[in-house]
Amino acid sequence: QVQLVESGGGLVQAGGSLRLSCAASGRTFSWYAMGWFRQAPGKERAFVTTISSSGGRTDYADSVKGRFTISRDNAENTVYLQMNNVKPEDTAVYHCAATRRPLARGVESYDYDYWGQGTQVTVSS
């Protein structure tokens, strides 16, 4: 089992930057593929990005490509989401997720077994 705690959310102006962190418990963090999803008010949870257990493979939603970057530090049991050039439509609660199961792409919520509580990101125009 792994427990996930997100941090780093807040209010940011459009065009600005924010870095989210997701700290994981346990000694086997490096076994888990990780993902970030977001949920805006009145909308379903949506895929943002994923990273393999080694960090060697990443994937991004088209809406964030070129603006967001996922990375991980297995020694620190933490995965990061660097958000640059944010837009009002990026406003959402951001959740990190983890799984030990092999992933095809890892872009679906059902690909993941463990979820954090989320951190709110609000982008003002």
C-alpha atoms as a PDB file:
ATOM      1  CA  GLN A   1       0.000   0.000   0.000  1.00  0.00           C
ATOM      2  CA  VAL A   2       1.020   3.579  -0.533  1.00  0.00           C
ATOM      3  CA  GLN A   3      -0.417   6.813   0.805  1.00  0.00           C
ATOM      4  CA  LEU A   4      -0.239   9.973  -1.269  1.00  0.00           C
ATOM      5  CA  VAL A   5      -0.316  13.592  -0.121  1.00  0.00           C
ATOM      6  CA  GLU A   6      -0.389  16.461  -2.593  1.00  0.00           C
ATOM      7  CA  SER A   7       0.800  19.992  -1.900  1.00  0.00           C
ATOM      8  CA  GLY A   8       1.707  23.169  -3.736  1.00  0.00           C
ATOM      9  CA  GLY A   9      -1.654  24.263  -5.004  1.00  0.00           C
ATOM     10  CA  GLY A  10      -2.903  27.812  -4.769  1.00  0.00           C
ATOM     11  CA  LEU A  11      -3.969  30.896  -6.663  1.00  0.00           C
ATOM     12  CA  VAL A  12      -1.875  31.955  -9.648  1.00  0.00           C
ATOM     13  CA  GLN A  13      -2.364  34.440 -12.447  1.00  0.00           C
ATOM     14  CA  ALA A  14      -2.694  33.304 -16.019  1.00  0.00           C
ATOM     15  CA  GLY A  15       0.728  32.938 -17.585  1.00  0.00           C
ATOM     16  CA  GLY A  16       2.327  32.152 -14.255  1.00  0.00           C
ATOM     17  CA  SER A  17       3.860  28.977 -12.868  1.00  0.00           C
ATOM     18  CA  LEU A  18       3.180  26.563 -10.052  1.00  0.00           C
ATOM     19  CA  ARG A  19       4.820  23.340  -8.901  1.00  0.00           C
ATOM     20  CA  LEU A  20       2.771  20.612  -7.320  1.00  0.00           C
ATOM     21  CA  SER A  21       4.290  17.863  -5.212  1.00  0.00           C
ATOM     22  CA  CYS A  22       2.972  14.449  -4.279  1.00  0.00           C
ATOM     23  CA  ALA A  23       4.707  12.738  -1.370  1.00  0.00           C
ATOM     24  CA  ALA A  24       4.317   8.989  -1.057  1.00  0.00           C
ATOM     25  CA  SER A  25       4.670   6.830   2.011  1.00  0.00           C
ATOM     26  CA  GLY A  26       6.445   3.503   2.049  1.00  0.00           C
ATOM     27  CA  ARG A  27       9.791   2.146   0.918  1.00  0.00           C
ATOM     28  CA  THR A  28       8.729   0.876  -2.499  1.00  0.00           C
ATOM     29  CA  PHE A  29       7.866   4.142  -4.233  1.00  0.00           C
ATOM     30  CA  SER A  30      10.172   3.252  -7.114  1.00  0.00           C
ATOM     31  CA  TRP A  31       7.921   0.291  -7.973  1.00  0.00           C
ATOM     32  CA  TYR A  32       4.952   2.556  -8.761  1.00  0.00           C
ATOM     33  CA  ALA A  33       3.960   4.321 -11.911  1.00  0.00           C
ATOM     34  CA  MET A  34       2.482   7.704 -11.043  1.00  0.00           C
ATOM     35  CA  GLY A  35      -0.079   9.956 -12.624  1.00  0.00           C
ATOM     36  CA  TRP A  36      -1.702  13.353 -12.205  1.00  0.00           C
ATOM     37  CA  PHE A  37      -5.381  13.894 -12.873  1.00  0.00           C
ATOM     38  CA  ARG A  38      -7.556  16.943 -12.401  1.00  0.00           C
ATOM     39  CA  GLN A  39     -11.205  17.609 -11.766  1.00  0.00           C
ATOM     40  CA  ALA A  40     -12.836  20.936 -12.486  1.00  0.00           C
ATOM     41  CA  PRO A  41     -16.203  21.878 -10.953  1.00  0.00           C
ATOM     42  CA  GLY A  42     -19.024  20.065 -12.684  1.00  0.00           C
ATOM     43  CA  LYS A  43     -16.659  17.983 -14.812  1.00  0.00           C
ATOM     44  CA  GLU A  44     -15.329  14.472 -14.695  1.00  0.00           C
ATOM     45  CA  ARG A  45     -11.820  13.673 -13.527  1.00  0.00           C
ATOM     46  CA  ALA A  46      -9.414  14.069 -16.456  1.00  0.00           C
ATOM     47  CA  PHE A  47      -5.969  12.724 -17.209  1.00  0.00           C
ATOM     48  CA  VAL A  48      -3.097  15.224 -17.087  1.00  0.00           C
ATOM     49  CA  THR A  49       0.148  13.268 -17.184  1.00  0.00           C
ATOM     50  CA  THR A  50       1.840  10.031 -16.183  1.00  0.00           C
ATOM     51  CA  ILE A  51       5.361   8.819 -15.486  1.00  0.00           C
ATOM     52  CA  SER A  52       6.720   5.292 -15.359  1.00  0.00           C
ATOM     53  CA  SER A  53       8.275   3.812 -12.238  1.00  0.00           C
ATOM     54  CA  SER A  54      11.801   4.532 -13.472  1.00  0.00           C
ATOM     55  CA  GLY A  55      10.903   7.934 -14.847  1.00  0.00           C
ATOM     56  CA  GLY A  56      11.938   6.868 -18.315  1.00  0.00           C
ATOM     57  CA  ARG A  57       8.528   7.236 -19.916  1.00  0.00           C
ATOM     58  CA  THR A  58       6.067  10.076 -19.681  1.00  0.00           C
ATOM     59  CA  ASP A  59       2.814  10.947 -21.387  1.00  0.00           C
ATOM     60  CA  TYR A  60       0.710  14.104 -21.403  1.00  0.00           C
ATOM     61  CA  ALA A  61      -2.778  15.218 -22.254  1.00  0.00           C
ATOM     62  CA  ASP A  62      -2.794  17.365 -25.382  1.00  0.00           C
ATOM     63  CA  SER A  63      -4.144  20.293 -23.386  1.00  0.00           C
ATOM     64  CA  VAL A  64      -0.983  20.518 -21.245  1.00  0.00           C
ATOM     65  CA  LYS A  65       1.750  19.396 -23.637  1.00  0.00           C
ATOM     66  CA  GLY A  66       4.573  21.893 -23.782  1.00  0.00           C
ATOM     67  CA  ARG A  67       3.376  23.629 -20.607  1.00  0.00           C
ATOM     68  CA  PHE A  68       3.417  20.974 -17.871  1.00  0.00           C
ATOM     69  CA  THR A  69       6.252  18.642 -16.912  1.00  0.00           C
ATOM     70  CA  ILE A  70       6.074  15.588 -14.683  1.00  0.00           C
ATOM     71  CA  SER A  71       9.140  14.317 -12.853  1.00  0.00           C
ATOM     72  CA  ARG A  72       9.945  12.111  -9.911  1.00  0.00           C
ATOM     73  CA  ASP A  73      12.607  11.714  -7.271  1.00  0.00           C
ATOM     74  CA  ASN A  74      12.578   8.110  -6.106  1.00  0.00           C
ATOM     75  CA  ALA A  75      15.056   8.863  -3.337  1.00  0.00           C
ATOM     76  CA  GLU A  76      12.609  11.425  -1.924  1.00  0.00           C
ATOM     77  CA  ASN A  77       9.458   9.384  -2.643  1.00  0.00           C
ATOM     78  CA  THR A  78       8.006  12.364  -4.474  1.00  0.00           C
ATOM     79  CA  VAL A  79       6.510  13.099  -7.849  1.00  0.00           C
ATOM     80  CA  TYR A  80       6.255  16.661  -9.161  1.00  0.00           C
ATOM     81  CA  LEU A  81       4.099  18.526 -11.624  1.00  0.00           C
ATOM     82  CA  GLN A  82       5.671  21.708 -12.952  1.00  0.00           C
ATOM     83  CA  MET A  83       2.964  23.890 -14.430  1.00  0.00           C
ATOM     84  CA  ASN A  84       4.088  26.760 -16.661  1.00  0.00           C
ATOM     85  CA  ASN A  85       2.094  29.286 -18.653  1.00  0.00           C
ATOM     86  CA  VAL A  86      -1.047  28.298 -16.791  1.00  0.00           C
ATOM     87  CA  LYS A  87      -4.462  29.179 -18.158  1.00  0.00           C
ATOM     88  CA  PRO A  88      -7.840  29.728 -16.471  1.00  0.00           C
ATOM     89  CA  GLU A  89      -8.985  26.390 -17.877  1.00  0.00           C
ATOM     90  CA  ASP A  90      -6.294  24.687 -15.762  1.00  0.00           C
ATOM     91  CA  THR A  91      -8.340  25.547 -12.669  1.00  0.00           C
ATOM     92  CA  ALA A  92      -9.189  22.282 -10.921  1.00  0.00           C
ATOM     93  CA  VAL A  93      -8.420  20.018  -8.006  1.00  0.00           C
ATOM     94  CA  TYR A  94      -5.284  18.098  -8.910  1.00  0.00           C
ATOM     95  CA  HIS A  95      -4.877  14.529  -7.694  1.00  0.00           C
ATOM     96  CA  CYS A  96      -1.875  12.276  -7.879  1.00  0.00           C
ATOM     97  CA  ALA A  97      -2.320   8.546  -8.322  1.00  0.00           C
ATOM     98  CA  ALA A  98      -0.181   5.421  -8.133  1.00  0.00           C
ATOM     99  CA  THR A  99      -0.196   1.869  -9.371  1.00  0.00           C
ATOM    100  CA  ARG A 100       2.124  -1.142  -9.450  1.00  0.00           C
ATOM    101  CA  ARG A 101       0.192  -2.733 -12.268  1.00  0.00           C
ATOM    102  CA  PRO A 102       1.719  -2.691 -15.723  1.00  0.00           C
ATOM    103  CA  LEU A 103       0.313   0.194 -17.723  1.00  0.00           C
ATOM    104  CA  ALA A 104      -0.510   0.385 -21.383  1.00  0.00           C
ATOM    105  CA  ARG A 105      -0.568   4.171 -21.330  1.00  0.00           C
ATOM    106  CA  GLY A 106      -1.867   5.068 -17.861  1.00  0.00           C
ATOM    107  CA  VAL A 107      -4.302   7.697 -19.071  1.00  0.00           C
ATOM    108  CA  GLU A 108      -7.443   6.299 -17.433  1.00  0.00           C
ATOM    109  CA  SER A 109      -8.502   6.650 -13.821  1.00  0.00           C
ATOM    110  CA  TYR A 110      -9.066   2.909 -13.555  1.00  0.00           C
ATOM    111  CA  ASP A 111      -5.378   2.328 -14.329  1.00  0.00           C
ATOM    112  CA  TYR A 112      -4.513   3.513 -10.818  1.00  0.00           C
ATOM    113  CA  ASP A 113      -5.130   1.967  -7.421  1.00  0.00           C
ATOM    114  CA  TYR A 114      -4.126   4.697  -4.963  1.00  0.00           C
ATOM    115  CA  TRP A 115      -5.171   8.337  -4.880  1.00  0.00           C
ATOM    116  CA  GLY A 116      -4.339  11.434  -2.914  1.00  0.00           C
ATOM    117  CA  GLN A 117      -6.930  13.859  -1.558  1.00  0.00           C
ATOM    118  CA  GLY A 118      -6.026  16.540  -4.056  1.00  0.00           C
ATOM    119  CA  THR A 119      -4.792  20.117  -4.058  1.00  0.00           C
ATOM    120  CA  GLN A 120      -6.715  23.066  -5.464  1.00  0.00           C
ATOM    121  CA  VAL A 121      -5.235  25.096  -8.301  1.00  0.00           C
ATOM    122  CA  THR A 122      -7.003  28.302  -9.265  1.00  0.00           C
ATOM    123  CA  VAL A 123      -5.849  30.356 -12.237  1.00  0.00           C
ATOM    124  CA  SER A 124      -7.120  33.905 -12.477  1.00  0.00           C
ATOM    125  CA  SER A 125      -7.428  35.698 -15.790  1.00  0.00           C
END
